[in-house]
Amino acid sequence: MPMRPLLLSLWGCGPIVTVSPRLTGQTMNEPERADILLIDDDAAIRTLLLSALETRGYSVRWAADGKTALQLLSSHGFRLIITDIFMPDMDGLELIMRNARTSPHTPILVISGGGIYCGPVEILKSARHLGGSKTLEKPFAIADFFASVSELLADEKACVARA
């Protein structure tokens, strides 16, 4: 049965985007501009960001929690990690700390709307301190998201060129 497109708006910011749901979470075989790992336990947000990234030609894999993401990180090198903070099994802060030991040069874009006991400003500040390269507070505009992705990939490319 063919999948129907799903209409979502990124937290009411910006235009509605047509999203084709991805069931496998694996890569799309289009022009590979970057290999990105997207981690978010919220299926709607993950699906929207996954589709938006793939529409722009990025090669993306995803995980719904930090534990699954660590398994992907151990078997595959990524040029960029995009992670939420509050997730089951292993949160984004622990993932950032573990990744800093194994792949300290991989840039990490941290996205969060905060949690029950702390707001987004505090938790995103902690994420930066622990090794997050850049942060975005939910809700965010999709243009800000892509500006952050482009900036981090450009920085990563510059670091590789200098090495």
C-alpha atoms as a PDB file:
ATOM      1  CA  MET A   1       0.000   0.000   0.000  1.00  0.00           C
ATOM      2  CA  PRO A   2       1.525   3.393  -0.952  1.00  0.00           C
ATOM      3  CA  MET A   3       2.321   5.825   1.838  1.00  0.00           C
ATOM      4  CA  ARG A   4       0.365   9.064   1.869  1.00  0.00           C
ATOM      5  CA  PRO A   5       2.155  12.350   2.439  1.00  0.00           C
ATOM      6  CA  LEU A   6       1.652  13.867   5.850  1.00  0.00           C
ATOM      7  CA  LEU A   7       1.269  17.613   6.381  1.00  0.00           C
ATOM      8  CA  LEU A   8       3.096  18.993   9.390  1.00  0.00           C
ATOM      9  CA  SER A   9       4.133  22.404  10.541  1.00  0.00           C
ATOM     10  CA  LEU A  10       7.246  22.737  12.675  1.00  0.00           C
ATOM     11  CA  TRP A  11       5.588  23.955  15.871  1.00  0.00           C
ATOM     12  CA  GLY A  12       3.630  26.546  13.941  1.00  0.00           C
ATOM     13  CA  CYS A  13       6.800  28.222  12.639  1.00  0.00           C
ATOM     14  CA  GLY A  14       6.967  28.804   8.936  1.00  0.00           C
ATOM     15  CA  PRO A  15       5.112  27.123   6.102  1.00  0.00           C
ATOM     16  CA  ILE A  16       3.562  23.703   6.194  1.00  0.00           C
ATOM     17  CA  VAL A  17       5.911  21.075   4.807  1.00  0.00           C
ATOM     18  CA  THR A  18       4.803  17.914   2.990  1.00  0.00           C
ATOM     19  CA  VAL A  19       6.378  14.914   4.663  1.00  0.00           C
ATOM     20  CA  SER A  20       6.474  11.354   3.394  1.00  0.00           C
ATOM     21  CA  PRO A  21       6.734   9.091   6.453  1.00  0.00           C
ATOM     22  CA  ARG A  22       9.897   6.980   6.601  1.00  0.00           C
ATOM     23  CA  LEU A  23       9.430   3.550   8.133  1.00  0.00           C
ATOM     24  CA  THR A  24      12.948   2.141   8.082  1.00  0.00           C
ATOM     25  CA  GLY A  25      14.962   5.118   9.301  1.00  0.00           C
ATOM     26  CA  GLN A  26      17.737   4.304   6.853  1.00  0.00           C
ATOM     27  CA  THR A  27      19.395   6.407   4.190  1.00  0.00           C
ATOM     28  CA  MET A  28      18.012   7.737   0.949  1.00  0.00           C
ATOM     29  CA  ASN A  29      20.223   7.029  -2.076  1.00  0.00           C
ATOM     30  CA  GLU A  30      20.329  10.541  -3.504  1.00  0.00           C
ATOM     31  CA  PRO A  31      23.311  12.862  -3.963  1.00  0.00           C
ATOM     32  CA  GLU A  32      25.184  12.491  -0.704  1.00  0.00           C
ATOM     33  CA  ARG A  33      26.051  15.930   0.622  1.00  0.00           C
ATOM     34  CA  ALA A  34      26.517  14.787   4.195  1.00  0.00           C
ATOM     35  CA  ASP A  35      26.009  11.785   6.383  1.00  0.00           C
ATOM     36  CA  ILE A  36      23.849  12.948   9.298  1.00  0.00           C
ATOM     37  CA  LEU A  37      22.556  11.126  12.367  1.00  0.00           C
ATOM     38  CA  LEU A  38      19.219  12.531  13.602  1.00  0.00           C
ATOM     39  CA  ILE A  39      18.119  11.565  17.131  1.00  0.00           C
ATOM     40  CA  ASP A  40      14.704  12.496  18.525  1.00  0.00           C
ATOM     41  CA  ASP A  41      12.103  10.416  20.338  1.00  0.00           C
ATOM     42  CA  ASP A  42       9.196  12.531  19.039  1.00  0.00           C
ATOM     43  CA  ALA A  43       8.153  10.751  15.825  1.00  0.00           C
ATOM     44  CA  ALA A  44       6.441  13.810  14.323  1.00  0.00           C
ATOM     45  CA  ILE A  45       9.488  16.053  14.787  1.00  0.00           C
ATOM     46  CA  ARG A  46      11.877  13.331  13.662  1.00  0.00           C
ATOM     47  CA  THR A  47       9.803  12.619  10.524  1.00  0.00           C
ATOM     48  CA  LEU A  48       9.567  16.306   9.635  1.00  0.00           C
ATOM     49  CA  LEU A  49      13.299  16.958  10.066  1.00  0.00           C
ATOM     50  CA  LEU A  50      14.232  13.714   8.305  1.00  0.00           C
ATOM     51  CA  SER A  51      12.101  14.571   5.292  1.00  0.00           C
ATOM     52  CA  ALA A  52      13.334  18.171   5.192  1.00  0.00           C
ATOM     53  CA  LEU A  53      16.981  17.058   5.290  1.00  0.00           C
ATOM     54  CA  GLU A  54      16.485  14.371   2.644  1.00  0.00           C
ATOM     55  CA  THR A  55      14.626  16.836   0.403  1.00  0.00           C
ATOM     56  CA  ARG A  56      17.784  18.951   0.432  1.00  0.00           C
ATOM     57  CA  GLY A  57      19.882  15.950  -0.601  1.00  0.00           C
ATOM     58  CA  TYR A  58      21.393  14.977   2.745  1.00  0.00           C
ATOM     59  CA  SER A  59      21.960  11.322   3.578  1.00  0.00           C
ATOM     60  CA  VAL A  60      20.298  10.736   6.970  1.00  0.00           C
ATOM     61  CA  ARG A  61      19.996   7.909   9.465  1.00  0.00           C
ATOM     62  CA  TRP A  62      17.882   8.249  12.581  1.00  0.00           C
ATOM     63  CA  ALA A  63      17.386   6.890  16.070  1.00  0.00           C
ATOM     64  CA  ALA A  64      14.577   7.421  18.589  1.00  0.00           C
ATOM     65  CA  ASP A  65      16.869   7.311  21.640  1.00  0.00           C
ATOM     66  CA  GLY A  66      20.469   7.734  22.696  1.00  0.00           C
ATOM     67  CA  LYS A  67      21.127   4.025  23.175  1.00  0.00           C
ATOM     68  CA  THR A  68      20.182   3.184  19.575  1.00  0.00           C
ATOM     69  CA  ALA A  69      22.148   6.215  18.380  1.00  0.00           C
ATOM     70  CA  LEU A  70      25.283   4.947  20.159  1.00  0.00           C
ATOM     71  CA  GLN A  71      24.974   1.641  18.303  1.00  0.00           C
ATOM     72  CA  LEU A  72      24.784   3.516  14.988  1.00  0.00           C
ATOM     73  CA  LEU A  73      27.726   5.724  15.989  1.00  0.00           C
ATOM     74  CA  SER A  74      29.872   2.683  16.793  1.00  0.00           C
ATOM     75  CA  SER A  75      29.303   1.160  13.359  1.00  0.00           C
ATOM     76  CA  HIS A  76      29.196   4.239  11.125  1.00  0.00           C
ATOM     77  CA  GLY A  77      31.019   7.556  10.912  1.00  0.00           C
ATOM     78  CA  PHE A  78      28.803  10.627  10.664  1.00  0.00           C
ATOM     79  CA  ARG A  79      29.692  14.164   9.613  1.00  0.00           C
ATOM     80  CA  LEU A  80      26.996  15.706  11.819  1.00  0.00           C
ATOM     81  CA  ILE A  81      24.867  14.612  14.763  1.00  0.00           C
ATOM     82  CA  ILE A  82      21.534  16.300  15.497  1.00  0.00           C
ATOM     83  CA  THR A  83      20.083  15.312  18.868  1.00  0.00           C
ATOM     84  CA  ASP A  84      17.257  16.112  21.230  1.00  0.00           C
ATOM     85  CA  ILE A  85      18.013  16.078  24.960  1.00  0.00           C
ATOM     86  CA  PHE A  86      15.122  14.372  26.743  1.00  0.00           C
ATOM     87  CA  MET A  87      14.689  10.822  25.390  1.00  0.00           C
ATOM     88  CA  PRO A  88      14.129   7.333  26.818  1.00  0.00           C
ATOM     89  CA  ASP A  89      16.941   4.838  27.563  1.00  0.00           C
ATOM     90  CA  MET A  90      19.747   7.403  27.210  1.00  0.00           C
ATOM     91  CA  ASP A  91      19.324  11.163  27.055  1.00  0.00           C
ATOM     92  CA  GLY A  92      21.104  13.536  24.714  1.00  0.00           C
ATOM     93  CA  LEU A  93      23.511  14.828  27.381  1.00  0.00           C
ATOM     94  CA  GLU A  94      24.908  11.347  28.042  1.00  0.00           C
ATOM     95  CA  LEU A  95      25.137  10.753  24.299  1.00  0.00           C
ATOM     96  CA  ILE A  96      27.102  14.008  23.874  1.00  0.00           C
ATOM     97  CA  MET A  97      29.533  13.003  26.652  1.00  0.00           C
ATOM     98  CA  ARG A  98      30.064   9.494  25.257  1.00  0.00           C
ATOM     99  CA  ASN A  99      30.521  10.797  21.725  1.00  0.00           C
ATOM    100  CA  ALA A 100      33.098  13.341  22.951  1.00  0.00           C
ATOM    101  CA  ARG A 101      35.316  10.406  24.009  1.00  0.00           C
ATOM    102  CA  THR A 102      35.028   8.474  20.743  1.00  0.00           C
ATOM    103  CA  SER A 103      34.469  11.136  18.049  1.00  0.00           C
ATOM    104  CA  PRO A 104      35.335  14.517  19.558  1.00  0.00           C
ATOM    105  CA  HIS A 105      35.560  16.255  16.167  1.00  0.00           C
ATOM    106  CA  THR A 106      32.047  15.349  15.002  1.00  0.00           C
ATOM    107  CA  PRO A 107      29.873  18.475  15.329  1.00  0.00           C
ATOM    108  CA  ILE A 108      26.640  18.136  17.314  1.00  0.00           C
ATOM    109  CA  LEU A 109      23.522  20.265  16.866  1.00  0.00           C
ATOM    110  CA  VAL A 110      21.433  20.046  20.037  1.00  0.00           C
ATOM    111  CA  ILE A 111      17.692  20.785  19.865  1.00  0.00           C
ATOM    112  CA  SER A 112      15.433  20.944  22.924  1.00  0.00           C
ATOM    113  CA  GLY A 113      12.360  22.595  24.333  1.00  0.00           C
ATOM    114  CA  GLY A 114      13.431  21.931  27.909  1.00  0.00           C
ATOM    115  CA  GLY A 115      11.984  19.481  30.370  1.00  0.00           C
ATOM    116  CA  ILE A 116       9.869  19.164  33.482  1.00  0.00           C
ATOM    117  CA  TYR A 117      12.523  20.408  35.913  1.00  0.00           C
ATOM    118  CA  CYS A 118      14.467  22.874  33.803  1.00  0.00           C
ATOM    119  CA  GLY A 119      13.858  25.182  30.892  1.00  0.00           C
ATOM    120  CA  PRO A 120      15.484  25.045  27.480  1.00  0.00           C
ATOM    121  CA  VAL A 121      18.026  27.787  28.192  1.00  0.00           C
ATOM    122  CA  GLU A 122      19.575  25.906  31.123  1.00  0.00           C
ATOM    123  CA  ILE A 123      19.623  22.498  29.465  1.00  0.00           C
ATOM    124  CA  LEU A 124      21.009  23.836  26.180  1.00  0.00           C
ATOM    125  CA  LYS A 125      23.732  25.675  28.108  1.00  0.00           C
ATOM    126  CA  SER A 126      24.664  22.359  29.747  1.00  0.00           C
ATOM    127  CA  ALA A 127      24.707  20.663  26.345  1.00  0.00           C
ATOM    128  CA  ARG A 128      27.174  23.264  25.004  1.00  0.00           C
ATOM    129  CA  HIS A 129      29.371  22.836  28.078  1.00  0.00           C
ATOM    130  CA  LEU A 130      29.459  19.046  27.583  1.00  0.00           C
ATOM    131  CA  GLY A 131      30.412  19.187  23.903  1.00  0.00           C
ATOM    132  CA  GLY A 132      27.428  20.301  21.840  1.00  0.00           C
ATOM    133  CA  SER A 133      28.630  22.491  18.965  1.00  0.00           C
ATOM    134  CA  LYS A 134      25.471  24.544  18.501  1.00  0.00           C
ATOM    135  CA  THR A 135      21.999  24.645  20.065  1.00  0.00           C
ATOM    136  CA  LEU A 136      18.471  25.458  18.924  1.00  0.00           C
ATOM    137  CA  GLU A 137      15.553  26.002  21.274  1.00  0.00           C
ATOM    138  CA  LYS A 138      12.257  24.396  20.278  1.00  0.00           C
ATOM    139  CA  PRO A 139      10.220  25.725  18.674  1.00  0.00           C
ATOM    140  CA  PHE A 140      12.562  26.917  15.952  1.00  0.00           C
ATOM    141  CA  ALA A 141      12.104  28.069  12.369  1.00  0.00           C
ATOM    142  CA  ILE A 142      13.166  25.594   9.704  1.00  0.00           C
ATOM    143  CA  ALA A 143      15.375  28.325   8.165  1.00  0.00           C
ATOM    144  CA  ASP A 144      17.313  28.567  11.465  1.00  0.00           C
ATOM    145  CA  PHE A 145      17.649  24.793  11.511  1.00  0.00           C
ATOM    146  CA  PHE A 146      19.142  24.686   8.008  1.00  0.00           C
ATOM    147  CA  ALA A 147      21.413  27.653   8.753  1.00  0.00           C
ATOM    148  CA  SER A 148      22.793  25.730  11.757  1.00  0.00           C
ATOM    149  CA  VAL A 149      23.237  22.525   9.740  1.00  0.00           C
ATOM    150  CA  SER A 150      25.076  24.405   6.970  1.00  0.00           C
ATOM    151  CA  GLU A 151      27.287  26.249   9.452  1.00  0.00           C
ATOM    152  CA  LEU A 152      28.295  23.075  11.298  1.00  0.00           C
ATOM    153  CA  LEU A 153      29.007  21.150   8.098  1.00  0.00           C
ATOM    154  CA  ALA A 154      31.092  24.070   6.778  1.00  0.00           C
ATOM    155  CA  ASP A 155      33.036  24.172  10.070  1.00  0.00           C
ATOM    156  CA  GLU A 156      33.536  20.390   9.919  1.00  0.00           C
ATOM    157  CA  LYS A 157      34.794  20.645   6.328  1.00  0.00           C
ATOM    158  CA  ALA A 158      37.208  23.439   7.311  1.00  0.00           C
ATOM    159  CA  CYS A 159      38.558  21.324  10.196  1.00  0.00           C
ATOM    160  CA  VAL A 160      39.170  18.378   7.844  1.00  0.00           C
ATOM    161  CA  ALA A 161      40.938  20.660   5.332  1.00  0.00           C
ATOM    162  CA  ARG A 162      43.272  21.985   8.057  1.00  0.00           C
ATOM    163  CA  ALA A 163      44.155  18.473   9.311  1.00  0.00           C
END
